[in-house]
Amino acid sequence: MESIVDQLVLELKDSNELLTEERARVWIELLWSDFEATYAKAGYDYQGAEMTEKIIRQWIQGYGHQLHEFAGRNPKYAHLLDATDN
């Protein structure tokens, strides 16, 4: 699974040059855990890492270029992705 995350990190970084590799990794890990938690809370059966990878890849393609803008507007993520914090 680590290789999947690594690939998603590279894809996100390629789609948003304002993100460092470290920030892209944080985003991927947050998106991964949030998707799986939300999916489970909704009562759906676990579909595996392939489903999560597919959804995150779609999010990267649709929103990756502007993902950095979201952190400042959402306090849930802002402290984790503070641009002044390396």
PDB file of N, CA and C in Angstrom:
ATOM      1  N   MET A   1       0.824  -1.187   0.000  1.00  0.00           N
ATOM      2  CA  MET A   1       0.000   0.000   0.000  1.00  0.00           C
ATOM      3  C   MET A   1       0.871   1.255   0.000  1.00  0.00           C
ATOM      4  N   GLU A   2       2.045   1.174   0.584  1.00  0.00           N
ATOM      5  CA  GLU A   2       2.930   2.337   0.612  1.00  0.00           C
ATOM      6  C   GLU A   2       3.277   2.814  -0.795  1.00  0.00           C
ATOM      7  N   SER A   3       3.422   1.881  -1.722  1.00  0.00           N
ATOM      8  CA  SER A   3       3.727   2.281  -3.098  1.00  0.00           C
ATOM      9  C   SER A   3       2.550   3.011  -3.742  1.00  0.00           C
ATOM     10  N   ILE A   4       1.344   2.653  -3.367  1.00  0.00           N
ATOM     11  CA  ILE A   4       0.151   3.350  -3.872  1.00  0.00           C
ATOM     12  C   ILE A   4       0.150   4.783  -3.356  1.00  0.00           C
ATOM     13  N   VAL A   5       0.398   4.928  -2.070  1.00  0.00           N
ATOM     14  CA  VAL A   5       0.441   6.268  -1.469  1.00  0.00           C
ATOM     15  C   VAL A   5       1.554   7.091  -2.112  1.00  0.00           C
ATOM     16  N   ASP A   6       2.708   6.492  -2.311  1.00  0.00           N
ATOM     17  CA  ASP A   6       3.818   7.203  -2.958  1.00  0.00           C
ATOM     18  C   ASP A   6       3.426   7.695  -4.346  1.00  0.00           C
ATOM     19  N   GLN A   7       2.747   6.863  -5.109  1.00  0.00           N
ATOM     20  CA  GLN A   7       2.319   7.247  -6.452  1.00  0.00           C
ATOM     21  C   GLN A   7       1.303   8.388  -6.398  1.00  0.00           C
ATOM     22  N   LEU A   8       0.356   8.306  -5.469  1.00  0.00           N
ATOM     23  CA  LEU A   8      -0.641   9.371  -5.327  1.00  0.00           C
ATOM     24  C   LEU A   8       0.014  10.686  -4.898  1.00  0.00           C
ATOM     25  N   VAL A   9       1.016  10.600  -4.043  1.00  0.00           N
ATOM     26  CA  VAL A   9       1.747  11.799  -3.626  1.00  0.00           C
ATOM     27  C   VAL A   9       2.393  12.461  -4.840  1.00  0.00           C
ATOM     28  N   LEU A  10       3.038  11.677  -5.680  1.00  0.00           N
ATOM     29  CA  LEU A  10       3.676  12.231  -6.886  1.00  0.00           C
ATOM     30  C   LEU A  10       2.643  12.846  -7.826  1.00  0.00           C
ATOM     31  N   GLU A  11       1.500  12.188  -7.977  1.00  0.00           N
ATOM     32  CA  GLU A  11       0.449  12.727  -8.842  1.00  0.00           C
ATOM     33  C   GLU A  11      -0.073  14.051  -8.305  1.00  0.00           C
ATOM     34  N   LEU A  12      -0.275  14.127  -6.998  1.00  0.00           N
ATOM     35  CA  LEU A  12      -0.761  15.378  -6.411  1.00  0.00           C
ATOM     36  C   LEU A  12       0.284  16.473  -6.553  1.00  0.00           C
ATOM     37  N   LYS A  13       1.518  16.153  -6.281  1.00  0.00           N
ATOM     38  CA  LYS A  13       2.590  17.136  -6.413  1.00  0.00           C
ATOM     39  C   LYS A  13       2.710  17.634  -7.855  1.00  0.00           C
ATOM     40  N   ASP A  14       2.556  16.735  -8.817  1.00  0.00           N
ATOM     41  CA  ASP A  14       2.603  17.133 -10.228  1.00  0.00           C
ATOM     42  C   ASP A  14       1.437  18.033 -10.606  1.00  0.00           C
ATOM     43  N   SER A  15       0.276  17.822  -9.987  1.00  0.00           N
ATOM     44  CA  SER A  15      -0.883  18.637 -10.336  1.00  0.00           C
ATOM     45  C   SER A  15      -0.914  19.965  -9.595  1.00  0.00           C
ATOM     46  N   ASN A  16      -0.102  20.080  -8.530  1.00  0.00           N
ATOM     47  CA  ASN A  16      -0.081  21.314  -7.755  1.00  0.00           C
ATOM     48  C   ASN A  16       1.353  21.621  -7.355  1.00  0.00           C
ATOM     49  N   GLU A  17       1.992  22.457  -8.133  1.00  0.00           N
ATOM     50  CA  GLU A  17       3.401  22.754  -7.884  1.00  0.00           C
ATOM     51  C   GLU A  17       3.622  23.592  -6.631  1.00  0.00           C
ATOM     52  N   LEU A  18       2.565  24.082  -6.006  1.00  0.00           N
ATOM     53  CA  LEU A  18       2.708  24.840  -4.765  1.00  0.00           C
ATOM     54  C   LEU A  18       2.871  23.933  -3.548  1.00  0.00           C
ATOM     55  N   LEU A  19       2.606  22.648  -3.710  1.00  0.00           N
ATOM     56  CA  LEU A  19       2.740  21.702  -2.614  1.00  0.00           C
ATOM     57  C   LEU A  19       4.108  21.040  -2.641  1.00  0.00           C
ATOM     58  N   THR A  20       4.732  20.970  -1.482  1.00  0.00           N
ATOM     59  CA  THR A  20       5.963  20.198  -1.363  1.00  0.00           C
ATOM     60  C   THR A  20       5.582  18.722  -1.312  1.00  0.00           C
ATOM     61  N   GLU A  21       6.560  17.866  -1.436  1.00  0.00           N
ATOM     62  CA  GLU A  21       6.273  16.434  -1.339  1.00  0.00           C
ATOM     63  C   GLU A  21       5.720  16.089   0.042  1.00  0.00           C
ATOM     64  N   GLU A  22       6.232  16.731   1.076  1.00  0.00           N
ATOM     65  CA  GLU A  22       5.751  16.476   2.433  1.00  0.00           C
ATOM     66  C   GLU A  22       4.288  16.889   2.593  1.00  0.00           C
ATOM     67  N   ARG A  23       3.947  18.056   2.065  1.00  0.00           N
ATOM     68  CA  ARG A  23       2.557  18.524   2.145  1.00  0.00           C
ATOM     69  C   ARG A  23       1.631  17.627   1.319  1.00  0.00           C
ATOM     70  N   ALA A  24       2.094  17.222   0.163  1.00  0.00           N
ATOM     71  CA  ALA A  24       1.292  16.328  -0.675  1.00  0.00           C
ATOM     72  C   ALA A  24       1.046  15.014   0.053  1.00  0.00           C
ATOM     73  N   ARG A  25       2.043  14.505   0.752  1.00  0.00           N
ATOM     74  CA  ARG A  25       1.885  13.251   1.504  1.00  0.00           C
ATOM     75  C   ARG A  25       0.862  13.420   2.626  1.00  0.00           C
ATOM     76  N   VAL A  26       0.935  14.554   3.325  1.00  0.00           N
ATOM     77  CA  VAL A  26      -0.045  14.813   4.384  1.00  0.00           C
ATOM     78  C   VAL A  26      -1.455  14.829   3.799  1.00  0.00           C
ATOM     79  N   TRP A  27      -1.611  15.515   2.664  1.00  0.00           N
ATOM     80  CA  TRP A  27      -2.922  15.569   2.018  1.00  0.00           C
ATOM     81  C   TRP A  27      -3.420  14.174   1.651  1.00  0.00           C
ATOM     82  N   ILE A  28      -2.568  13.380   1.040  1.00  0.00           N
ATOM     83  CA  ILE A  28      -2.984  12.039   0.622  1.00  0.00           C
ATOM     84  C   ILE A  28      -3.386  11.211   1.831  1.00  0.00           C
ATOM     85  N   GLU A  29      -2.600  11.275   2.884  1.00  0.00           N
ATOM     86  CA  GLU A  29      -2.927  10.501   4.083  1.00  0.00           C
ATOM     87  C   GLU A  29      -4.225  10.977   4.717  1.00  0.00           C
ATOM     88  N   LEU A  30      -4.455  12.295   4.743  1.00  0.00           N
ATOM     89  CA  LEU A  30      -5.710  12.824   5.282  1.00  0.00           C
ATOM     90  C   LEU A  30      -6.906  12.421   4.429  1.00  0.00           C
ATOM     91  N   LEU A  31      -6.764  12.573   3.126  1.00  0.00           N
ATOM     92  CA  LEU A  31      -7.857  12.202   2.232  1.00  0.00           C
ATOM     93  C   LEU A  31      -8.167  10.713   2.341  1.00  0.00           C
ATOM     94  N   TRP A  32      -7.131   9.900   2.417  1.00  0.00           N
ATOM     95  CA  TRP A  32      -7.297   8.449   2.513  1.00  0.00           C
ATOM     96  C   TRP A  32      -8.090   8.091   3.778  1.00  0.00           C
ATOM     97  N   SER A  33      -7.636   8.581   4.909  1.00  0.00           N
ATOM     98  CA  SER A  33      -8.292   8.225   6.171  1.00  0.00           C
ATOM     99  C   SER A  33      -9.699   8.808   6.253  1.00  0.00           C
ATOM    100  N   ASP A  34      -9.890  10.040   5.795  1.00  0.00           N
ATOM    101  CA  ASP A  34     -11.224  10.639   5.819  1.00  0.00           C
ATOM    102  C   ASP A  34     -12.197   9.893   4.924  1.00  0.00           C
ATOM    103  N   PHE A  35     -11.744   9.511   3.729  1.00  0.00           N
ATOM    104  CA  PHE A  35     -12.639   8.786   2.827  1.00  0.00           C
ATOM    105  C   PHE A  35     -13.062   7.463   3.452  1.00  0.00           C
ATOM    106  N   GLU A  36     -12.102   6.704   3.961  1.00  0.00           N
ATOM    107  CA  GLU A  36     -12.442   5.402   4.521  1.00  0.00           C
ATOM    108  C   GLU A  36     -13.333   5.536   5.754  1.00  0.00           C
ATOM    109  N   ALA A  37     -13.080   6.527   6.593  1.00  0.00           N
ATOM    110  CA  ALA A  37     -13.904   6.732   7.782  1.00  0.00           C
ATOM    111  C   ALA A  37     -15.323   7.156   7.405  1.00  0.00           C
ATOM    112  N   THR A  38     -15.434   8.064   6.469  1.00  0.00           N
ATOM    113  CA  THR A  38     -16.748   8.539   6.037  1.00  0.00           C
ATOM    114  C   THR A  38     -17.539   7.430   5.366  1.00  0.00           C
ATOM    115  N   TYR A  39     -16.875   6.660   4.555  1.00  0.00           N
ATOM    116  CA  TYR A  39     -17.501   5.533   3.856  1.00  0.00           C
ATOM    117  C   TYR A  39     -18.036   4.522   4.869  1.00  0.00           C
ATOM    118  N   ALA A  40     -17.246   4.252   5.902  1.00  0.00           N
ATOM    119  CA  ALA A  40     -17.663   3.302   6.937  1.00  0.00           C
ATOM    120  C   ALA A  40     -18.818   3.858   7.764  1.00  0.00           C
ATOM    121  N   LYS A  41     -18.756   5.135   8.113  1.00  0.00           N
ATOM    122  CA  LYS A  41     -19.823   5.760   8.899  1.00  0.00           C
ATOM    123  C   LYS A  41     -21.140   5.761   8.140  1.00  0.00           C
ATOM    124  N   ALA A  42     -21.059   5.822   6.838  1.00  0.00           N
ATOM    125  CA  ALA A  42     -22.266   5.810   6.007  1.00  0.00           C
ATOM    126  C   ALA A  42     -22.872   4.415   5.918  1.00  0.00           C
ATOM    127  N   GLY A  43     -22.159   3.433   6.444  1.00  0.00           N
ATOM    128  CA  GLY A  43     -22.698   2.078   6.475  1.00  0.00           C
ATOM    129  C   GLY A  43     -22.353   1.212   5.284  1.00  0.00           C
ATOM    130  N   TYR A  44     -21.457   1.679   4.443  1.00  0.00           N
ATOM    131  CA  TYR A  44     -21.070   0.894   3.275  1.00  0.00           C
ATOM    132  C   TYR A  44     -20.070  -0.187   3.665  1.00  0.00           C
ATOM    133  N   ASP A  45     -20.097  -1.292   2.971  1.00  0.00           N
ATOM    134  CA  ASP A  45     -19.103  -2.339   3.168  1.00  0.00           C
ATOM    135  C   ASP A  45     -17.766  -1.852   2.625  1.00  0.00           C
ATOM    136  N   TYR A  46     -16.698  -2.282   3.286  1.00  0.00           N
ATOM    137  CA  TYR A  46     -15.358  -1.900   2.869  1.00  0.00           C
ATOM    138  C   TYR A  46     -15.070  -2.462   1.482  1.00  0.00           C
ATOM    139  N   GLN A  47     -14.663  -1.608   0.569  1.00  0.00           N
ATOM    140  CA  GLN A  47     -14.405  -1.999  -0.815  1.00  0.00           C
ATOM    141  C   GLN A  47     -12.918  -2.194  -1.108  1.00  0.00           C
ATOM    142  N   GLY A  48     -12.081  -1.987  -0.109  1.00  0.00           N
ATOM    143  CA  GLY A  48     -10.657  -2.209  -0.296  1.00  0.00           C
ATOM    144  C   GLY A  48      -9.904  -0.953  -0.684  1.00  0.00           C
ATOM    145  N   ALA A  49      -8.586  -1.094  -0.648  1.00  0.00           N
ATOM    146  CA  ALA A  49      -7.699   0.021  -0.971  1.00  0.00           C
ATOM    147  C   ALA A  49      -7.856   0.472  -2.418  1.00  0.00           C
ATOM    148  N   GLU A  50      -8.249  -0.441  -3.289  1.00  0.00           N
ATOM    149  CA  GLU A  50      -8.411  -0.081  -4.709  1.00  0.00           C
ATOM    150  C   GLU A  50      -9.484   0.989  -4.879  1.00  0.00           C
ATOM    151  N   MET A  51     -10.572   0.876  -4.125  1.00  0.00           N
ATOM    152  CA  MET A  51     -11.654   1.860  -4.211  1.00  0.00           C
ATOM    153  C   MET A  51     -11.174   3.219  -3.687  1.00  0.00           C
ATOM    154  N   THR A  52     -10.477   3.191  -2.565  1.00  0.00           N
ATOM    155  CA  THR A  52      -9.962   4.438  -1.998  1.00  0.00           C
ATOM    156  C   THR A  52      -8.977   5.092  -2.955  1.00  0.00           C
ATOM    157  N   GLU A  53      -8.096   4.305  -3.524  1.00  0.00           N
ATOM    158  CA  GLU A  53      -7.132   4.831  -4.494  1.00  0.00           C
ATOM    159  C   GLU A  53      -7.849   5.471  -5.678  1.00  0.00           C
ATOM    160  N   LYS A  54      -8.859   4.812  -6.177  1.00  0.00           N
ATOM    161  CA  LYS A  54      -9.614   5.327  -7.330  1.00  0.00           C
ATOM    162  C   LYS A  54     -10.253   6.681  -7.004  1.00  0.00           C
ATOM    163  N   ILE A  55     -10.883   6.780  -5.834  1.00  0.00           N
ATOM    164  CA  ILE A  55     -11.551   8.022  -5.444  1.00  0.00           C
ATOM    165  C   ILE A  55     -10.539   9.143  -5.255  1.00  0.00           C
ATOM    166  N   ILE A  56      -9.435   8.863  -4.573  1.00  0.00           N
ATOM    167  CA  ILE A  56      -8.422   9.893  -4.346  1.00  0.00           C
ATOM    168  C   ILE A  56      -7.814  10.344  -5.664  1.00  0.00           C
ATOM    169  N   ARG A  57      -7.599   9.423  -6.567  1.00  0.00           N
ATOM    170  CA  ARG A  57      -7.067   9.791  -7.887  1.00  0.00           C
ATOM    171  C   ARG A  57      -8.055  10.727  -8.610  1.00  0.00           C
ATOM    172  N   GLN A  58      -9.346  10.463  -8.486  1.00  0.00           N
ATOM    173  CA  GLN A  58     -10.352  11.350  -9.092  1.00  0.00           C
ATOM    174  C   GLN A  58     -10.307  12.732  -8.452  1.00  0.00           C
ATOM    175  N   TRP A  59     -10.144  12.776  -7.139  1.00  0.00           N
ATOM    176  CA  TRP A  59     -10.046  14.062  -6.446  1.00  0.00           C
ATOM    177  C   TRP A  59      -8.805  14.823  -6.885  1.00  0.00           C
ATOM    178  N   ILE A  60      -7.701  14.128  -7.050  1.00  0.00           N
ATOM    179  CA  ILE A  60      -6.471  14.778  -7.505  1.00  0.00           C
ATOM    180  C   ILE A  60      -6.690  15.379  -8.886  1.00  0.00           C
ATOM    181  N   GLN A  61      -7.303  14.625  -9.776  1.00  0.00           N
ATOM    182  CA  GLN A  61      -7.545  15.111 -11.135  1.00  0.00           C
ATOM    183  C   GLN A  61      -8.500  16.298 -11.145  1.00  0.00           C
ATOM    184  N   GLY A  62      -9.493  16.284 -10.277  1.00  0.00           N
ATOM    185  CA  GLY A  62     -10.481  17.357 -10.268  1.00  0.00           C
ATOM    186  C   GLY A  62     -10.096  18.570  -9.443  1.00  0.00           C
ATOM    187  N   TYR A  63      -9.425  18.335  -8.327  1.00  0.00           N
ATOM    188  CA  TYR A  63      -9.186  19.416  -7.374  1.00  0.00           C
ATOM    189  C   TYR A  63      -7.730  19.599  -6.967  1.00  0.00           C
ATOM    190  N   GLY A  64      -6.847  18.744  -7.415  1.00  0.00           N
ATOM    191  CA  GLY A  64      -5.454  18.789  -6.981  1.00  0.00           C
ATOM    192  C   GLY A  64      -4.786  20.131  -7.179  1.00  0.00           C
ATOM    193  N   HIS A  65      -5.075  20.787  -8.289  1.00  0.00           N
ATOM    194  CA  HIS A  65      -4.425  22.060  -8.595  1.00  0.00           C
ATOM    195  C   HIS A  65      -4.791  23.172  -7.616  1.00  0.00           C
ATOM    196  N   GLN A  66      -5.916  23.026  -6.902  1.00  0.00           N
ATOM    197  CA  GLN A  66      -6.340  24.069  -5.974  1.00  0.00           C
ATOM    198  C   GLN A  66      -6.490  23.555  -4.544  1.00  0.00           C
ATOM    199  N   LEU A  67      -5.983  22.392  -4.272  1.00  0.00           N
ATOM    200  CA  LEU A  67      -6.134  21.787  -2.956  1.00  0.00           C
ATOM    201  C   LEU A  67      -5.512  22.625  -1.848  1.00  0.00           C
ATOM    202  N   HIS A  68      -4.419  23.297  -2.131  1.00  0.00           N
ATOM    203  CA  HIS A  68      -3.750  24.127  -1.127  1.00  0.00           C
ATOM    204  C   HIS A  68      -4.663  25.249  -0.621  1.00  0.00           C
ATOM    205  N   GLU A  69      -5.624  25.695  -1.433  1.00  0.00           N
ATOM    206  CA  GLU A  69      -6.532  26.771  -1.051  1.00  0.00           C
ATOM    207  C   GLU A  69      -7.530  26.319   0.006  1.00  0.00           C
ATOM    208  N   PHE A  70      -7.828  25.051   0.031  1.00  0.00           N
ATOM    209  CA  PHE A  70      -8.831  24.510   0.936  1.00  0.00           C
ATOM    210  C   PHE A  70      -8.387  24.561   2.391  1.00  0.00           C
ATOM    211  N   ALA A  71      -7.132  24.327   2.669  1.00  0.00           N
ATOM    212  CA  ALA A  71      -6.635  24.233   4.041  1.00  0.00           C
ATOM    213  C   ALA A  71      -6.896  25.507   4.836  1.00  0.00           C
ATOM    214  N   GLY A  72      -6.708  26.637   4.223  1.00  0.00           N
ATOM    215  CA  GLY A  72      -6.902  27.902   4.919  1.00  0.00           C
ATOM    216  C   GLY A  72      -8.347  28.179   5.283  1.00  0.00           C
ATOM    217  N   ARG A  73      -9.261  27.575   4.580  1.00  0.00           N
ATOM    218  CA  ARG A  73     -10.680  27.816   4.833  1.00  0.00           C
ATOM    219  C   ARG A  73     -11.308  26.756   5.725  1.00  0.00           C
ATOM    220  N   ASN A  74     -10.594  25.697   6.025  1.00  0.00           N
ATOM    221  CA  ASN A  74     -11.150  24.620   6.825  1.00  0.00           C
ATOM    222  C   ASN A  74     -10.282  24.389   8.057  1.00  0.00           C
ATOM    223  N   PRO A  75     -10.805  24.769   9.240  1.00  0.00           N
ATOM    224  CA  PRO A  75      -9.994  24.653  10.450  1.00  0.00           C
ATOM    225  C   PRO A  75      -9.600  23.213  10.789  1.00  0.00           C
ATOM    226  N   LYS A  76     -10.332  22.249  10.291  1.00  0.00           N
ATOM    227  CA  LYS A  76      -9.992  20.852  10.542  1.00  0.00           C
ATOM    228  C   LYS A  76      -8.622  20.516   9.962  1.00  0.00           C
ATOM    229  N   TYR A  77      -8.274  21.140   8.844  1.00  0.00           N
ATOM    230  CA  TYR A  77      -7.017  20.851   8.163  1.00  0.00           C
ATOM    231  C   TYR A  77      -5.983  21.959   8.287  1.00  0.00           C
ATOM    232  N   ALA A  78      -6.398  23.170   8.564  1.00  0.00           N
ATOM    233  CA  ALA A  78      -5.496  24.322   8.540  1.00  0.00           C
ATOM    234  C   ALA A  78      -4.281  24.126   9.426  1.00  0.00           C
ATOM    235  N   HIS A  79      -4.477  23.636  10.631  1.00  0.00           N
ATOM    236  CA  HIS A  79      -3.340  23.478  11.542  1.00  0.00           C
ATOM    237  C   HIS A  79      -2.389  22.370  11.082  1.00  0.00           C
ATOM    238  N   LEU A  80      -2.889  21.413  10.325  1.00  0.00           N
ATOM    239  CA  LEU A  80      -2.044  20.334   9.826  1.00  0.00           C
ATOM    240  C   LEU A  80      -1.258  20.737   8.590  1.00  0.00           C
ATOM    241  N   LEU A  81      -1.756  21.714   7.885  1.00  0.00           N
ATOM    242  CA  LEU A  81      -1.152  22.103   6.616  1.00  0.00           C
ATOM    243  C   LEU A  81      -0.723  23.554   6.600  1.00  0.00           C
ATOM    244  N   ASP A  82      -0.424  24.099   7.756  1.00  0.00           N
ATOM    245  CA  ASP A  82       0.032  25.475   7.865  1.00  0.00           C
ATOM    246  C   ASP A  82       1.288  25.648   7.028  1.00  0.00           C
ATOM    247  N   ALA A  83       1.247  26.558   6.101  1.00  0.00           N
ATOM    248  CA  ALA A  83       2.365  26.763   5.175  1.00  0.00           C
ATOM    249  C   ALA A  83       3.643  27.220   5.873  1.00  0.00           C
ATOM    250  N   THR A  84       3.513  27.809   7.065  1.00  0.00           N
ATOM    251  CA  THR A  84       4.700  28.263   7.784  1.00  0.00           C
ATOM    252  C   THR A  84       5.349  27.138   8.556  1.00  0.00           C
ATOM    253  N   ASP A  85       4.657  26.025   8.669  1.00  0.00           N
ATOM    254  CA  ASP A  85       5.164  24.873   9.431  1.00  0.00           C
ATOM    255  C   ASP A  85       5.749  23.838   8.495  1.00  0.00           C
ATOM    256  N   ASN A  86       7.020  23.550   8.648  1.00  0.00           N
ATOM    257  CA  ASN A  86       7.641  22.534   7.825  1.00  0.00           C
ATOM    258  C   ASN A  86       7.957  21.376   8.708  1.00  0.00           C
TER     259      ASN A  86
END
